[in-house]
Amino acid sequence: MPQAPDLPKRGFAAMDEDRQRQIARKGGENVPDEKRSFSQNRELASAAGRKGGESVPDEKRSFSRDRGLAAEAGRKGGQASPGNFAHDREKAAEAGRKGGQNSHGAKH
């Protein structure tokens, strides 16, 4: 949420983005693996991602406007993932393409 232009930034908002990320990362690292619901429940993670995506207006959906960008994101995610996509670049690219096609506002 943008801050009013006439108010100075204070506290967390006044920190540079790298420092904010560093603090947020520490908070996430403090959650034990067994309490990380998304790592334990893929359906829950998928539903949360879908819900987050639905809240973005069509004109701001970069993957629905740029299928190449979606495919590249799928490739990068696949390379970083220890799962199925890690060893199958084409599968990762296909997942990115499908994700781009299924997002709201995509041209089929």
N, C-alpha and C. Protein backbone atom coordinates (compact mmCIF):
# COMPACT_ATOMS: atom_id res chain seq x y z
N MET A 1 0.85 -1.17 0.00
CA MET A 1 0.00 0.00 0.00
C MET A 1 0.90 1.23 0.00
N PRO A 2 0.71 2.15 -0.96
CA PRO A 2 1.56 3.33 -1.02
C PRO A 2 1.32 4.24 0.17
N GLN A 3 2.38 4.89 0.60
CA GLN A 3 2.28 5.80 1.72
C GLN A 3 1.89 7.19 1.20
N ALA A 4 1.17 7.94 2.01
CA ALA A 4 0.77 9.29 1.63
C ALA A 4 2.03 10.11 1.34
N PRO A 5 2.04 10.90 0.27
CA PRO A 5 3.24 11.63 -0.12
C PRO A 5 3.70 12.66 0.90
N ASP A 6 2.80 13.16 1.75
CA ASP A 6 3.18 14.20 2.69
C ASP A 6 3.70 13.64 4.02
N LEU A 7 3.72 12.33 4.18
CA LEU A 7 4.22 11.72 5.41
C LEU A 7 5.58 11.09 5.16
N PRO A 8 6.54 11.33 6.05
CA PRO A 8 7.85 10.69 5.86
C PRO A 8 7.78 9.19 6.18
N LYS A 9 8.59 8.41 5.49
CA LYS A 9 8.66 6.98 5.78
C LYS A 9 9.40 6.78 7.10
N ARG A 10 8.88 5.83 7.89
CA ARG A 10 9.51 5.53 9.17
C ARG A 10 9.63 4.03 9.34
N GLY A 11 10.50 3.63 10.24
CA GLY A 11 10.65 2.22 10.59
C GLY A 11 10.96 1.34 9.40
N PHE A 12 10.23 0.23 9.30
CA PHE A 12 10.46 -0.77 8.25
C PHE A 12 10.33 -0.15 6.86
N ALA A 13 9.36 0.72 6.67
CA ALA A 13 9.13 1.35 5.37
C ALA A 13 10.30 2.24 4.95
N ALA A 14 11.06 2.76 5.89
CA ALA A 14 12.18 3.63 5.58
C ALA A 14 13.43 2.85 5.19
N MET A 15 13.45 1.55 5.48
CA MET A 15 14.62 0.73 5.16
C MET A 15 14.69 0.47 3.66
N ASP A 16 15.91 0.23 3.17
CA ASP A 16 16.02 -0.10 1.75
C ASP A 16 15.45 -1.52 1.54
N GLU A 17 15.10 -1.82 0.28
CA GLU A 17 14.43 -3.08 -0.03
C GLU A 17 15.25 -4.31 0.35
N ASP A 18 16.56 -4.25 0.17
CA ASP A 18 17.40 -5.40 0.53
C ASP A 18 17.31 -5.70 2.02
N ARG A 19 17.31 -4.66 2.84
CA ARG A 19 17.21 -4.86 4.30
C ARG A 19 15.83 -5.42 4.66
N GLN A 20 14.79 -4.94 4.01
CA GLN A 20 13.44 -5.45 4.26
C GLN A 20 13.37 -6.94 3.93
N ARG A 21 13.94 -7.32 2.77
CA ARG A 21 13.94 -8.74 2.37
C ARG A 21 14.72 -9.59 3.36
N GLN A 22 15.85 -9.06 3.82
CA GLN A 22 16.68 -9.79 4.77
C GLN A 22 15.90 -10.08 6.06
N ILE A 23 15.19 -9.10 6.54
CA ILE A 23 14.39 -9.28 7.76
C ILE A 23 13.25 -10.26 7.52
N ALA A 24 12.55 -10.12 6.39
CA ALA A 24 11.44 -11.03 6.07
C ALA A 24 11.94 -12.46 5.93
N ARG A 25 13.09 -12.64 5.30
CA ARG A 25 13.66 -13.98 5.12
C ARG A 25 13.94 -14.63 6.48
N LYS A 26 14.46 -13.86 7.42
CA LYS A 26 14.74 -14.40 8.75
C LYS A 26 13.46 -14.89 9.42
N GLY A 27 12.37 -14.15 9.22
CA GLY A 27 11.10 -14.58 9.79
C GLY A 27 10.66 -15.92 9.22
N GLY A 28 10.82 -16.09 7.92
CA GLY A 28 10.45 -17.34 7.28
C GLY A 28 11.34 -18.49 7.71
N GLU A 29 12.61 -18.21 7.91
CA GLU A 29 13.55 -19.27 8.31
C GLU A 29 13.26 -19.78 9.72
N ASN A 30 12.59 -18.99 10.53
CA ASN A 30 12.30 -19.39 11.90
C ASN A 30 11.12 -20.35 12.02
N VAL A 31 10.44 -20.61 10.91
CA VAL A 31 9.31 -21.54 10.93
C VAL A 31 9.85 -22.95 10.65
N PRO A 32 9.64 -23.90 11.56
CA PRO A 32 10.15 -25.26 11.31
C PRO A 32 9.46 -25.90 10.10
N ASP A 33 10.17 -26.79 9.43
CA ASP A 33 9.65 -27.43 8.22
C ASP A 33 8.27 -28.05 8.42
N GLU A 34 8.05 -28.69 9.55
CA GLU A 34 6.77 -29.37 9.77
C GLU A 34 5.60 -28.39 9.92
N LYS A 35 5.92 -27.12 10.14
CA LYS A 35 4.87 -26.10 10.26
C LYS A 35 4.68 -25.30 8.97
N ARG A 36 5.48 -25.59 7.97
CA ARG A 36 5.37 -24.88 6.69
C ARG A 36 4.28 -25.57 5.87
N SER A 37 3.09 -25.04 5.92
CA SER A 37 1.95 -25.72 5.32
C SER A 37 2.10 -25.88 3.80
N PHE A 38 2.70 -24.92 3.13
CA PHE A 38 2.83 -25.04 1.68
C PHE A 38 3.79 -26.16 1.30
N SER A 39 4.83 -26.39 2.10
CA SER A 39 5.76 -27.46 1.76
C SER A 39 5.15 -28.83 2.06
N GLN A 40 4.15 -28.86 2.90
CA GLN A 40 3.50 -30.11 3.27
C GLN A 40 2.24 -30.40 2.44
N ASN A 41 1.67 -29.35 1.85
CA ASN A 41 0.39 -29.50 1.17
C ASN A 41 0.41 -28.75 -0.15
N ARG A 42 0.69 -29.47 -1.22
CA ARG A 42 0.80 -28.84 -2.55
C ARG A 42 -0.52 -28.23 -3.01
N GLU A 43 -1.65 -28.86 -2.67
CA GLU A 43 -2.94 -28.32 -3.08
C GLU A 43 -3.19 -26.96 -2.42
N LEU A 44 -2.81 -26.84 -1.15
CA LEU A 44 -2.97 -25.58 -0.44
C LEU A 44 -2.10 -24.50 -1.09
N ALA A 45 -0.88 -24.84 -1.43
CA ALA A 45 0.02 -23.89 -2.08
C ALA A 45 -0.53 -23.47 -3.43
N SER A 46 -1.04 -24.42 -4.19
CA SER A 46 -1.60 -24.14 -5.50
C SER A 46 -2.81 -23.21 -5.39
N ALA A 47 -3.69 -23.51 -4.44
CA ALA A 47 -4.89 -22.68 -4.25
C ALA A 47 -4.51 -21.26 -3.84
N ALA A 48 -3.49 -21.13 -2.98
CA ALA A 48 -3.06 -19.80 -2.54
C ALA A 48 -2.48 -19.02 -3.72
N GLY A 49 -1.69 -19.68 -4.54
CA GLY A 49 -1.13 -19.01 -5.71
C GLY A 49 -2.20 -18.58 -6.69
N ARG A 50 -3.19 -19.44 -6.88
CA ARG A 50 -4.29 -19.12 -7.79
C ARG A 50 -5.07 -17.91 -7.25
N LYS A 51 -5.34 -17.92 -5.94
CA LYS A 51 -6.10 -16.83 -5.33
C LYS A 51 -5.32 -15.52 -5.44
N GLY A 52 -4.02 -15.59 -5.21
CA GLY A 52 -3.19 -14.38 -5.35
C GLY A 52 -3.21 -13.87 -6.77
N GLY A 53 -3.12 -14.77 -7.73
CA GLY A 53 -3.14 -14.37 -9.13
C GLY A 53 -4.45 -13.75 -9.54
N GLU A 54 -5.54 -14.25 -9.00
CA GLU A 54 -6.86 -13.73 -9.35
C GLU A 54 -7.05 -12.30 -8.85
N SER A 55 -6.29 -11.91 -7.82
CA SER A 55 -6.46 -10.57 -7.27
C SER A 55 -5.71 -9.51 -8.08
N VAL A 56 -4.92 -9.94 -9.07
CA VAL A 56 -4.16 -9.00 -9.90
C VAL A 56 -5.00 -8.63 -11.12
N PRO A 57 -5.18 -7.33 -11.38
CA PRO A 57 -5.97 -6.93 -12.55
C PRO A 57 -5.33 -7.43 -13.84
N ASP A 58 -6.15 -7.72 -14.84
CA ASP A 58 -5.68 -8.27 -16.11
C ASP A 58 -4.54 -7.46 -16.71
N GLU A 59 -4.63 -6.13 -16.65
CA GLU A 59 -3.61 -5.29 -17.29
C GLU A 59 -2.25 -5.37 -16.58
N LYS A 60 -2.21 -5.94 -15.39
CA LYS A 60 -0.94 -6.07 -14.67
C LYS A 60 -0.42 -7.50 -14.67
N ARG A 61 -1.07 -8.39 -15.38
CA ARG A 61 -0.66 -9.79 -15.44
C ARG A 61 0.40 -9.96 -16.52
N SER A 62 1.65 -9.88 -16.14
CA SER A 62 2.71 -9.93 -17.14
C SER A 62 2.76 -11.29 -17.85
N PHE A 63 2.47 -12.38 -17.15
CA PHE A 63 2.54 -13.69 -17.80
C PHE A 63 1.43 -13.87 -18.83
N SER A 64 0.27 -13.28 -18.60
CA SER A 64 -0.81 -13.42 -19.58
C SER A 64 -0.55 -12.58 -20.81
N ARG A 65 0.26 -11.54 -20.68
CA ARG A 65 0.59 -10.70 -21.83
C ARG A 65 1.86 -11.16 -22.53
N ASP A 66 2.69 -11.94 -21.86
CA ASP A 66 3.98 -12.33 -22.43
C ASP A 66 4.22 -13.81 -22.16
N ARG A 67 3.81 -14.66 -23.11
CA ARG A 67 3.94 -16.11 -22.92
C ARG A 67 5.38 -16.54 -22.83
N GLY A 68 6.27 -15.84 -23.51
CA GLY A 68 7.70 -16.16 -23.41
C GLY A 68 8.21 -15.95 -22.00
N LEU A 69 7.75 -14.88 -21.36
CA LEU A 69 8.13 -14.61 -19.98
C LEU A 69 7.62 -15.72 -19.06
N ALA A 70 6.39 -16.17 -19.29
CA ALA A 70 5.83 -17.26 -18.49
C ALA A 70 6.63 -18.54 -18.68
N ALA A 71 7.01 -18.84 -19.91
CA ALA A 71 7.78 -20.05 -20.18
C ALA A 71 9.15 -19.97 -19.51
N GLU A 72 9.77 -18.79 -19.59
CA GLU A 72 11.09 -18.61 -18.95
C GLU A 72 10.98 -18.78 -17.44
N ALA A 73 9.91 -18.24 -16.84
CA ALA A 73 9.72 -18.40 -15.39
C ALA A 73 9.55 -19.88 -15.05
N GLY A 74 8.82 -20.60 -15.88
CA GLY A 74 8.66 -22.04 -15.66
C GLY A 74 9.99 -22.76 -15.74
N ARG A 75 10.83 -22.37 -16.70
CA ARG A 75 12.16 -22.98 -16.81
C ARG A 75 12.99 -22.70 -15.58
N LYS A 76 13.02 -21.43 -15.15
CA LYS A 76 13.82 -21.07 -13.98
C LYS A 76 13.31 -21.79 -12.73
N GLY A 77 12.01 -21.83 -12.57
CA GLY A 77 11.44 -22.53 -11.42
C GLY A 77 11.78 -24.01 -11.44
N GLY A 78 11.73 -24.58 -12.62
CA GLY A 78 12.07 -25.99 -12.76
C GLY A 78 13.51 -26.28 -12.43
N GLN A 79 14.40 -25.38 -12.82
CA GLN A 79 15.82 -25.57 -12.54
C GLN A 79 16.09 -25.45 -11.05
N ALA A 80 15.37 -24.57 -10.36
CA ALA A 80 15.59 -24.35 -8.94
C ALA A 80 14.91 -25.40 -8.08
N SER A 81 13.91 -26.06 -8.63
CA SER A 81 13.12 -27.03 -7.86
C SER A 81 13.82 -28.38 -7.78
N PRO A 82 13.78 -29.01 -6.61
CA PRO A 82 14.35 -30.35 -6.50
C PRO A 82 13.41 -31.42 -7.06
N GLY A 83 12.23 -31.00 -7.50
CA GLY A 83 11.21 -31.96 -7.97
C GLY A 83 11.33 -32.31 -9.43
N ASN A 84 10.22 -32.64 -10.04
CA ASN A 84 10.15 -33.14 -11.41
C ASN A 84 10.81 -32.24 -12.44
N PHE A 85 10.65 -30.92 -12.31
CA PHE A 85 11.15 -30.01 -13.32
C PHE A 85 12.67 -29.88 -13.29
N ALA A 86 13.31 -30.25 -12.20
CA ALA A 86 14.75 -30.04 -12.07
C ALA A 86 15.54 -30.74 -13.16
N HIS A 87 15.05 -31.84 -13.65
CA HIS A 87 15.80 -32.62 -14.63
C HIS A 87 15.12 -32.66 -16.00
N ASP A 88 14.08 -31.87 -16.17
CA ASP A 88 13.34 -31.89 -17.42
C ASP A 88 12.96 -30.47 -17.83
N ARG A 89 13.87 -29.80 -18.54
CA ARG A 89 13.65 -28.40 -18.92
C ARG A 89 12.41 -28.22 -19.78
N GLU A 90 12.16 -29.16 -20.67
CA GLU A 90 10.99 -29.04 -21.54
C GLU A 90 9.70 -29.11 -20.73
N LYS A 91 9.67 -29.97 -19.73
CA LYS A 91 8.49 -30.07 -18.86
C LYS A 91 8.27 -28.75 -18.11
N ALA A 92 9.37 -28.13 -17.66
CA ALA A 92 9.26 -26.84 -16.98
C ALA A 92 8.74 -25.76 -17.93
N ALA A 93 9.27 -25.75 -19.15
CA ALA A 93 8.81 -24.75 -20.13
C ALA A 93 7.34 -24.96 -20.46
N GLU A 94 6.94 -26.21 -20.61
CA GLU A 94 5.53 -26.51 -20.90
C GLU A 94 4.62 -26.05 -19.75
N ALA A 95 5.07 -26.26 -18.52
CA ALA A 95 4.28 -25.80 -17.37
C ALA A 95 4.14 -24.28 -17.40
N GLY A 96 5.22 -23.60 -17.74
CA GLY A 96 5.15 -22.14 -17.85
C GLY A 96 4.19 -21.71 -18.94
N ARG A 97 4.22 -22.41 -20.09
CA ARG A 97 3.29 -22.08 -21.18
C ARG A 97 1.84 -22.31 -20.75
N LYS A 98 1.60 -23.45 -20.10
CA LYS A 98 0.23 -23.74 -19.65
C LYS A 98 -0.24 -22.71 -18.64
N GLY A 99 0.65 -22.33 -17.74
CA GLY A 99 0.30 -21.31 -16.74
C GLY A 99 -0.08 -20.00 -17.41
N GLY A 100 0.67 -19.62 -18.42
CA GLY A 100 0.36 -18.39 -19.16
C GLY A 100 -0.96 -18.48 -19.89
N GLN A 101 -1.25 -19.66 -20.46
CA GLN A 101 -2.50 -19.84 -21.18
C GLN A 101 -3.70 -19.84 -20.27
N ASN A 102 -3.54 -20.33 -19.04
CA ASN A 102 -4.67 -20.47 -18.13
C ASN A 102 -4.93 -19.23 -17.29
N SER A 103 -4.02 -18.24 -17.33
CA SER A 103 -4.25 -17.04 -16.53
C SER A 103 -5.34 -16.19 -17.17
N HIS A 104 -6.00 -15.42 -16.38
CA HIS A 104 -7.08 -14.55 -16.88
C HIS A 104 -6.51 -13.56 -17.86
N GLY A 105 -7.23 -13.32 -18.91
CA GLY A 105 -6.81 -12.32 -19.89
C GLY A 105 -5.89 -12.88 -20.95
N ALA A 106 -5.53 -14.16 -20.87
CA ALA A 106 -4.63 -14.74 -21.85
C ALA A 106 -5.35 -14.94 -23.17
N LYS A 107 -4.62 -14.80 -24.25
CA LYS A 107 -5.15 -15.05 -25.58
C LYS A 107 -4.86 -16.49 -25.93
N HIS A 108 -5.89 -17.28 -26.21
CA HIS A 108 -5.71 -18.71 -26.51
C HIS A 108 -5.58 -18.94 -27.98
